[in-house]
Amino acid sequence: MNYTIYLGLTAGFLTTIAFLPQVVKSWKSKQTKDISLLMFSFSVSGFFLWLVYGILIRNLPLIIANLLTFIFAASILVLKIKYK
């Protein structure tokens, strides 16, 4: 692996892990009133499309980061709908 792969994996890790505290907080508190349904709907759709794009171009950092971020953001979206 060259440095661009490491750069991509690091960027993906940081942007992905940023969603984890919100997932945990929303799950524990069962409160999502301050979370925008529209924003997370757009985000989840975008992460899914980035994932598909990463798969199509066979880019490991894009695939890993967007798969995990899609899961985290989709979890928040599901919690938002569930606890509305």
PDB file of N, CA and C in Angstrom:
ATOM      1  N   MET A   1       0.836  -1.186   0.000  1.00  0.00           N
ATOM      2  CA  MET A   1       0.000   0.000   0.000  1.00  0.00           C
ATOM      3  C   MET A   1       0.883   1.252   0.000  1.00  0.00           C
ATOM      4  N   ASN A   2       0.486   2.213  -0.786  1.00  0.00           N
ATOM      5  CA  ASN A   2       1.244   3.457  -0.805  1.00  0.00           C
ATOM      6  C   ASN A   2       0.621   4.493   0.125  1.00  0.00           C
ATOM      7  N   TYR A   3       1.237   5.623   0.239  1.00  0.00           N
ATOM      8  CA  TYR A   3       0.792   6.635   1.200  1.00  0.00           C
ATOM      9  C   TYR A   3      -0.613   7.152   0.913  1.00  0.00           C
ATOM     10  N   THR A   4      -1.064   7.141  -0.338  1.00  0.00           N
ATOM     11  CA  THR A   4      -2.411   7.640  -0.626  1.00  0.00           C
ATOM     12  C   THR A   4      -3.480   6.734  -0.023  1.00  0.00           C
ATOM     13  N   ILE A   5      -3.211   5.432   0.015  1.00  0.00           N
ATOM     14  CA  ILE A   5      -4.152   4.505   0.650  1.00  0.00           C
ATOM     15  C   ILE A   5      -4.214   4.784   2.149  1.00  0.00           C
ATOM     16  N   TYR A   6      -3.058   4.980   2.781  1.00  0.00           N
ATOM     17  CA  TYR A   6      -3.034   5.297   4.212  1.00  0.00           C
ATOM     18  C   TYR A   6      -3.735   6.619   4.500  1.00  0.00           C
ATOM     19  N   LEU A   7      -3.532   7.587   3.637  1.00  0.00           N
ATOM     20  CA  LEU A   7      -4.202   8.875   3.792  1.00  0.00           C
ATOM     21  C   LEU A   7      -5.724   8.694   3.715  1.00  0.00           C
ATOM     22  N   GLY A   8      -6.170   7.946   2.743  1.00  0.00           N
ATOM     23  CA  GLY A   8      -7.599   7.687   2.581  1.00  0.00           C
ATOM     24  C   GLY A   8      -8.180   6.914   3.753  1.00  0.00           C
ATOM     25  N   LEU A   9      -7.450   5.907   4.233  1.00  0.00           N
ATOM     26  CA  LEU A   9      -7.931   5.132   5.380  1.00  0.00           C
ATOM     27  C   LEU A   9      -8.007   5.994   6.645  1.00  0.00           C
ATOM     28  N   THR A  10      -7.021   6.860   6.835  1.00  0.00           N
ATOM     29  CA  THR A  10      -7.024   7.746   8.005  1.00  0.00           C
ATOM     30  C   THR A  10      -8.182   8.738   7.927  1.00  0.00           C
ATOM     31  N   ALA A  11      -8.372   9.357   6.782  1.00  0.00           N
ATOM     32  CA  ALA A  11      -9.486  10.292   6.604  1.00  0.00           C
ATOM     33  C   ALA A  11     -10.821   9.586   6.811  1.00  0.00           C
ATOM     34  N   GLY A  12     -10.946   8.410   6.254  1.00  0.00           N
ATOM     35  CA  GLY A  12     -12.172   7.633   6.419  1.00  0.00           C
ATOM     36  C   GLY A  12     -12.425   7.260   7.863  1.00  0.00           C
ATOM     37  N   PHE A  13     -11.368   6.872   8.562  1.00  0.00           N
ATOM     38  CA  PHE A  13     -11.506   6.517   9.978  1.00  0.00           C
ATOM     39  C   PHE A  13     -12.006   7.713  10.787  1.00  0.00           C
ATOM     40  N   LEU A  14     -11.393   8.861  10.580  1.00  0.00           N
ATOM     41  CA  LEU A  14     -11.762  10.045  11.354  1.00  0.00           C
ATOM     42  C   LEU A  14     -13.189  10.504  11.079  1.00  0.00           C
ATOM     43  N   THR A  15     -13.598  10.521   9.819  1.00  0.00           N
ATOM     44  CA  THR A  15     -14.957  10.958   9.511  1.00  0.00           C
ATOM     45  C   THR A  15     -15.998   9.923   9.931  1.00  0.00           C
ATOM     46  N   THR A  16     -15.620   8.661   9.922  1.00  0.00           N
ATOM     47  CA  THR A  16     -16.538   7.604  10.340  1.00  0.00           C
ATOM     48  C   THR A  16     -16.729   7.600  11.844  1.00  0.00           C
ATOM     49  N   ILE A  17     -15.644   7.661  12.579  1.00  0.00           N
ATOM     50  CA  ILE A  17     -15.705   7.586  14.037  1.00  0.00           C
ATOM     51  C   ILE A  17     -16.433   8.801  14.623  1.00  0.00           C
ATOM     52  N   ALA A  18     -16.506   9.887  13.871  1.00  0.00           N
ATOM     53  CA  ALA A  18     -17.197  11.089  14.334  1.00  0.00           C
ATOM     54  C   ALA A  18     -18.680  10.826  14.600  1.00  0.00           C
ATOM     55  N   PHE A  19     -19.265   9.848  13.927  1.00  0.00           N
ATOM     56  CA  PHE A  19     -20.684   9.542  14.113  1.00  0.00           C
ATOM     57  C   PHE A  19     -20.941   8.659  15.338  1.00  0.00           C
ATOM     58  N   LEU A  20     -19.946   7.956  15.805  1.00  0.00           N
ATOM     59  CA  LEU A  20     -20.143   6.998  16.889  1.00  0.00           C
ATOM     60  C   LEU A  20     -20.665   7.627  18.183  1.00  0.00           C
ATOM     61  N   PRO A  21     -20.128   8.760  18.650  1.00  0.00           N
ATOM     62  CA  PRO A  21     -20.683   9.349  19.875  1.00  0.00           C
ATOM     63  C   PRO A  21     -22.171   9.691  19.766  1.00  0.00           C
ATOM     64  N   GLN A  22     -22.615  10.138  18.596  1.00  0.00           N
ATOM     65  CA  GLN A  22     -24.029  10.469  18.428  1.00  0.00           C
ATOM     66  C   GLN A  22     -24.888   9.214  18.441  1.00  0.00           C
ATOM     67  N   VAL A  23     -24.392   8.131  17.847  1.00  0.00           N
ATOM     68  CA  VAL A  23     -25.121   6.867  17.873  1.00  0.00           C
ATOM     69  C   VAL A  23     -25.304   6.412  19.319  1.00  0.00           C
ATOM     70  N   VAL A  24     -24.216   6.415  20.080  1.00  0.00           N
ATOM     71  CA  VAL A  24     -24.258   5.959  21.474  1.00  0.00           C
ATOM     72  C   VAL A  24     -25.180   6.854  22.299  1.00  0.00           C
ATOM     73  N   LYS A  25     -25.034   8.165  22.157  1.00  0.00           N
ATOM     74  CA  LYS A  25     -25.859   9.101  22.924  1.00  0.00           C
ATOM     75  C   LYS A  25     -27.339   8.934  22.596  1.00  0.00           C
ATOM     76  N   SER A  26     -27.676   8.830  21.326  1.00  0.00           N
ATOM     77  CA  SER A  26     -29.074   8.683  20.916  1.00  0.00           C
ATOM     78  C   SER A  26     -29.664   7.366  21.405  1.00  0.00           C
ATOM     79  N   TRP A  27     -28.867   6.331  21.353  1.00  0.00           N
ATOM     80  CA  TRP A  27     -29.328   5.011  21.783  1.00  0.00           C
ATOM     81  C   TRP A  27     -29.568   4.983  23.285  1.00  0.00           C
ATOM     82  N   LYS A  28     -28.621   5.533  24.044  1.00  0.00           N
ATOM     83  CA  LYS A  28     -28.744   5.524  25.506  1.00  0.00           C
ATOM     84  C   LYS A  28     -29.861   6.449  25.999  1.00  0.00           C
ATOM     85  N   SER A  29     -29.925   7.647  25.461  1.00  0.00           N
ATOM     86  CA  SER A  29     -30.896   8.637  25.949  1.00  0.00           C
ATOM     87  C   SER A  29     -32.279   8.461  25.333  1.00  0.00           C
ATOM     88  N   LYS A  30     -32.350   7.780  24.204  1.00  0.00           N
ATOM     89  CA  LYS A  30     -33.593   7.621  23.452  1.00  0.00           C
ATOM     90  C   LYS A  30     -34.213   8.982  23.098  1.00  0.00           C
ATOM     91  N   GLN A  31     -33.344   9.968  22.909  1.00  0.00           N
ATOM     92  CA  GLN A  31     -33.777  11.313  22.541  1.00  0.00           C
ATOM     93  C   GLN A  31     -33.066  11.750  21.264  1.00  0.00           C
ATOM     94  N   THR A  32     -33.853  12.167  20.302  1.00  0.00           N
ATOM     95  CA  THR A  32     -33.281  12.597  19.025  1.00  0.00           C
ATOM     96  C   THR A  32     -33.943  13.870  18.517  1.00  0.00           C
ATOM     97  N   LYS A  33     -34.585  14.612  19.415  1.00  0.00           N
ATOM     98  CA  LYS A  33     -35.348  15.786  18.973  1.00  0.00           C
ATOM     99  C   LYS A  33     -34.479  16.860  18.310  1.00  0.00           C
ATOM    100  N   ASP A  34     -33.222  16.941  18.671  1.00  0.00           N
ATOM    101  CA  ASP A  34     -32.344  17.965  18.103  1.00  0.00           C
ATOM    102  C   ASP A  34     -31.610  17.507  16.848  1.00  0.00           C
ATOM    103  N   ILE A  35     -31.919  16.328  16.385  1.00  0.00           N
ATOM    104  CA  ILE A  35     -31.285  15.792  15.178  1.00  0.00           C
ATOM    105  C   ILE A  35     -32.214  16.047  13.993  1.00  0.00           C
ATOM    106  N   SER A  36     -31.656  16.566  12.924  1.00  0.00           N
ATOM    107  CA  SER A  36     -32.437  16.877  11.732  1.00  0.00           C
ATOM    108  C   SER A  36     -32.707  15.614  10.914  1.00  0.00           C
ATOM    109  N   LEU A  37     -33.990  15.305  10.747  1.00  0.00           N
ATOM    110  CA  LEU A  37     -34.390  14.150   9.943  1.00  0.00           C
ATOM    111  C   LEU A  37     -33.969  14.338   8.490  1.00  0.00           C
ATOM    112  N   LEU A  38     -34.164  15.537   7.969  1.00  0.00           N
ATOM    113  CA  LEU A  38     -33.810  15.801   6.572  1.00  0.00           C
ATOM    114  C   LEU A  38     -32.304  15.673   6.348  1.00  0.00           C
ATOM    115  N   MET A  39     -31.518  16.240   7.255  1.00  0.00           N
ATOM    116  CA  MET A  39     -30.056  16.172   7.112  1.00  0.00           C
ATOM    117  C   MET A  39     -29.568  14.733   7.134  1.00  0.00           C
ATOM    118  N   PHE A  40     -30.066  13.944   8.076  1.00  0.00           N
ATOM    119  CA  PHE A  40     -29.615  12.557   8.139  1.00  0.00           C
ATOM    120  C   PHE A  40     -30.146  11.726   6.981  1.00  0.00           C
ATOM    121  N   SER A  41     -31.319  12.064   6.459  1.00  0.00           N
ATOM    122  CA  SER A  41     -31.828  11.368   5.270  1.00  0.00           C
ATOM    123  C   SER A  41     -30.909  11.610   4.073  1.00  0.00           C
ATOM    124  N   PHE A  42     -30.515  12.873   3.889  1.00  0.00           N
ATOM    125  CA  PHE A  42     -29.583  13.192   2.799  1.00  0.00           C
ATOM    126  C   PHE A  42     -28.218  12.538   3.034  1.00  0.00           C
ATOM    127  N   SER A  43     -27.745  12.584   4.265  1.00  0.00           N
ATOM    128  CA  SER A  43     -26.431  12.010   4.579  1.00  0.00           C
ATOM    129  C   SER A  43     -26.394  10.514   4.319  1.00  0.00           C
ATOM    130  N   VAL A  44     -27.406   9.807   4.799  1.00  0.00           N
ATOM    131  CA  VAL A  44     -27.456   8.354   4.601  1.00  0.00           C
ATOM    132  C   VAL A  44     -27.492   8.029   3.111  1.00  0.00           C
ATOM    133  N   SER A  45     -28.284   8.773   2.361  1.00  0.00           N
ATOM    134  CA  SER A  45     -28.340   8.556   0.902  1.00  0.00           C
ATOM    135  C   SER A  45     -26.980   8.819   0.258  1.00  0.00           C
ATOM    136  N   GLY A  46     -26.328   9.888   0.675  1.00  0.00           N
ATOM    137  CA  GLY A  46     -25.003  10.217   0.129  1.00  0.00           C
ATOM    138  C   GLY A  46     -23.964   9.174   0.479  1.00  0.00           C
ATOM    139  N   PHE A  47     -23.955   8.704   1.727  1.00  0.00           N
ATOM    140  CA  PHE A  47     -22.991   7.672   2.126  1.00  0.00           C
ATOM    141  C   PHE A  47     -23.213   6.387   1.342  1.00  0.00           C
ATOM    142  N   PHE A  48     -24.483   6.057   1.095  1.00  0.00           N
ATOM    143  CA  PHE A  48     -24.772   4.860   0.303  1.00  0.00           C
ATOM    144  C   PHE A  48     -24.231   5.012  -1.114  1.00  0.00           C
ATOM    145  N   LEU A  49     -24.454   6.174  -1.708  1.00  0.00           N
ATOM    146  CA  LEU A  49     -23.952   6.395  -3.074  1.00  0.00           C
ATOM    147  C   LEU A  49     -22.426   6.401  -3.120  1.00  0.00           C
ATOM    148  N   TRP A  50     -21.770   6.992  -2.105  1.00  0.00           N
ATOM    149  CA  TRP A  50     -20.309   6.942  -2.028  1.00  0.00           C
ATOM    150  C   TRP A  50     -19.830   5.498  -1.904  1.00  0.00           C
ATOM    151  N   LEU A  51     -20.560   4.692  -1.137  1.00  0.00           N
ATOM    152  CA  LEU A  51     -20.216   3.273  -0.992  1.00  0.00           C
ATOM    153  C   LEU A  51     -20.297   2.564  -2.346  1.00  0.00           C
ATOM    154  N   VAL A  52     -21.380   2.775  -3.054  1.00  0.00           N
ATOM    155  CA  VAL A  52     -21.535   2.164  -4.381  1.00  0.00           C
ATOM    156  C   VAL A  52     -20.414   2.626  -5.309  1.00  0.00           C
ATOM    157  N   TYR A  53     -20.110   3.920  -5.287  1.00  0.00           N
ATOM    158  CA  TYR A  53     -19.032   4.463  -6.101  1.00  0.00           C
ATOM    159  C   TYR A  53     -17.703   3.802  -5.747  1.00  0.00           C
ATOM    160  N   GLY A  54     -17.411   3.677  -4.454  1.00  0.00           N
ATOM    161  CA  GLY A  54     -16.178   3.036  -4.016  1.00  0.00           C
ATOM    162  C   GLY A  54     -16.077   1.600  -4.499  1.00  0.00           C
ATOM    163  N   ILE A  55     -17.202   0.896  -4.453  1.00  0.00           N
ATOM    164  CA  ILE A  55     -17.222  -0.490  -4.944  1.00  0.00           C
ATOM    165  C   ILE A  55     -16.953  -0.526  -6.447  1.00  0.00           C
ATOM    166  N   LEU A  56     -17.602   0.374  -7.177  1.00  0.00           N
ATOM    167  CA  LEU A  56     -17.441   0.391  -8.635  1.00  0.00           C
ATOM    168  C   LEU A  56     -16.006   0.697  -9.058  1.00  0.00           C
ATOM    169  N   ILE A  57     -15.329   1.580  -8.330  1.00  0.00           N
ATOM    170  CA  ILE A  57     -13.949   1.902  -8.705  1.00  0.00           C
ATOM    171  C   ILE A  57     -12.927   1.086  -7.905  1.00  0.00           C
ATOM    172  N   ARG A  58     -13.436   0.197  -7.054  1.00  0.00           N
ATOM    173  CA  ARG A  58     -12.600  -0.709  -6.251  1.00  0.00           C
ATOM    174  C   ARG A  58     -11.587   0.057  -5.392  1.00  0.00           C
ATOM    175  N   ASN A  59     -12.103   1.032  -4.637  1.00  0.00           N
ATOM    176  CA  ASN A  59     -11.257   1.848  -3.776  1.00  0.00           C
ATOM    177  C   ASN A  59     -11.526   1.478  -2.319  1.00  0.00           C
ATOM    178  N   LEU A  60     -10.583   0.765  -1.714  1.00  0.00           N
ATOM    179  CA  LEU A  60     -10.769   0.229  -0.372  1.00  0.00           C
ATOM    180  C   LEU A  60     -11.081   1.299   0.681  1.00  0.00           C
ATOM    181  N   PRO A  61     -10.351   2.419   0.728  1.00  0.00           N
ATOM    182  CA  PRO A  61     -10.698   3.437   1.727  1.00  0.00           C
ATOM    183  C   PRO A  61     -12.137   3.953   1.593  1.00  0.00           C
ATOM    184  N   LEU A  62     -12.588   4.189   0.358  1.00  0.00           N
ATOM    185  CA  LEU A  62     -13.957   4.646   0.148  1.00  0.00           C
ATOM    186  C   LEU A  62     -14.970   3.593   0.578  1.00  0.00           C
ATOM    187  N   ILE A  63     -14.697   2.353   0.278  1.00  0.00           N
ATOM    188  CA  ILE A  63     -15.615   1.275   0.630  1.00  0.00           C
ATOM    189  C   ILE A  63     -15.735   1.138   2.145  1.00  0.00           C
ATOM    190  N   ILE A  64     -14.621   1.019   2.823  1.00  0.00           N
ATOM    191  CA  ILE A  64     -14.632   0.815   4.274  1.00  0.00           C
ATOM    192  C   ILE A  64     -15.258   2.007   4.988  1.00  0.00           C
ATOM    193  N   ALA A  65     -14.785   3.200   4.676  1.00  0.00           N
ATOM    194  CA  ALA A  65     -15.278   4.398   5.365  1.00  0.00           C
ATOM    195  C   ALA A  65     -16.769   4.604   5.145  1.00  0.00           C
ATOM    196  N   ASN A  66     -17.210   4.465   3.917  1.00  0.00           N
ATOM    197  CA  ASN A  66     -18.615   4.738   3.637  1.00  0.00           C
ATOM    198  C   ASN A  66     -19.539   3.612   4.065  1.00  0.00           C
ATOM    199  N   LEU A  67     -19.054   2.395   4.114  1.00  0.00           N
ATOM    200  CA  LEU A  67     -19.865   1.311   4.659  1.00  0.00           C
ATOM    201  C   LEU A  67     -20.133   1.551   6.143  1.00  0.00           C
ATOM    202  N   LEU A  68     -19.072   1.839   6.888  1.00  0.00           N
ATOM    203  CA  LEU A  68     -19.231   2.062   8.325  1.00  0.00           C
ATOM    204  C   LEU A  68     -20.006   3.345   8.618  1.00  0.00           C
ATOM    205  N   THR A  69     -19.716   4.406   7.891  1.00  0.00           N
ATOM    206  CA  THR A  69     -20.429   5.659   8.109  1.00  0.00           C
ATOM    207  C   THR A  69     -21.900   5.514   7.742  1.00  0.00           C
ATOM    208  N   PHE A  70     -22.184   4.777   6.680  1.00  0.00           N
ATOM    209  CA  PHE A  70     -23.574   4.501   6.307  1.00  0.00           C
ATOM    210  C   PHE A  70     -24.289   3.777   7.441  1.00  0.00           C
ATOM    211  N   ILE A  71     -23.641   2.781   8.022  1.00  0.00           N
ATOM    212  CA  ILE A  71     -24.252   2.024   9.126  1.00  0.00           C
ATOM    213  C   ILE A  71     -24.510   2.935  10.325  1.00  0.00           C
ATOM    214  N   PHE A  72     -23.513   3.750  10.701  1.00  0.00           N
ATOM    215  CA  PHE A  72     -23.681   4.642  11.844  1.00  0.00           C
ATOM    216  C   PHE A  72     -24.778   5.684  11.588  1.00  0.00           C
ATOM    217  N   ALA A  73     -24.725   6.332  10.439  1.00  0.00           N
ATOM    218  CA  ALA A  73     -25.706   7.373  10.126  1.00  0.00           C
ATOM    219  C   ALA A  73     -27.108   6.773   9.967  1.00  0.00           C
ATOM    220  N   ALA A  74     -27.198   5.599   9.365  1.00  0.00           N
ATOM    221  CA  ALA A  74     -28.497   4.931   9.230  1.00  0.00           C
ATOM    222  C   ALA A  74     -29.047   4.553  10.600  1.00  0.00           C
ATOM    223  N   SER A  75     -28.169   4.173  11.516  1.00  0.00           N
ATOM    224  CA  SER A  75     -28.605   3.860  12.881  1.00  0.00           C
ATOM    225  C   SER A  75     -29.208   5.090  13.546  1.00  0.00           C
ATOM    226  N   ILE A  76     -28.554   6.228  13.376  1.00  0.00           N
ATOM    227  CA  ILE A  76     -29.081   7.475  13.939  1.00  0.00           C
ATOM    228  C   ILE A  76     -30.420   7.815  13.295  1.00  0.00           C
ATOM    229  N   LEU A  77     -30.527   7.630  11.990  1.00  0.00           N
ATOM    230  CA  LEU A  77     -31.772   7.902  11.281  1.00  0.00           C
ATOM    231  C   LEU A  77     -32.900   6.996  11.780  1.00  0.00           C
ATOM    232  N   VAL A  78     -32.607   5.730  11.975  1.00  0.00           N
ATOM    233  CA  VAL A  78     -33.607   4.796  12.502  1.00  0.00           C
ATOM    234  C   VAL A  78     -34.029   5.206  13.906  1.00  0.00           C
ATOM    235  N   LEU A  79     -33.065   5.581  14.750  1.00  0.00           N
ATOM    236  CA  LEU A  79     -33.384   6.029  16.101  1.00  0.00           C
ATOM    237  C   LEU A  79     -34.218   7.306  16.068  1.00  0.00           C
ATOM    238  N   LYS A  80     -33.905   8.208  15.153  1.00  0.00           N
ATOM    239  CA  LYS A  80     -34.657   9.450  15.005  1.00  0.00           C
ATOM    240  C   LYS A  80     -36.121   9.136  14.672  1.00  0.00           C
ATOM    241  N   ILE A  81     -36.332   8.212  13.770  1.00  0.00           N
ATOM    242  CA  ILE A  81     -37.703   7.846  13.387  1.00  0.00           C
ATOM    243  C   ILE A  81     -38.388   7.102  14.531  1.00  0.00           C
ATOM    244  N   LYS A  82     -37.676   6.223  15.166  1.00  0.00           N
ATOM    245  CA  LYS A  82     -38.243   5.416  16.260  1.00  0.00           C
ATOM    246  C   LYS A  82     -38.627   6.269  17.465  1.00  0.00           C
ATOM    247  N   TYR A  83     -37.782   7.203  17.846  1.00  0.00           N
ATOM    248  CA  TYR A  83     -38.007   7.995  19.055  1.00  0.00           C
ATOM    249  C   TYR A  83     -38.636   9.362  18.778  1.00  0.00           C
ATOM    250  N   LYS A  84     -39.198   9.530  17.622  1.00  0.00           N
ATOM    251  CA  LYS A  84     -39.763  10.832  17.207  1.00  0.00           C
ATOM    252  C   LYS A  84     -40.817  11.340  18.166  1.00  0.00           C
TER     253      LYS A  84
END
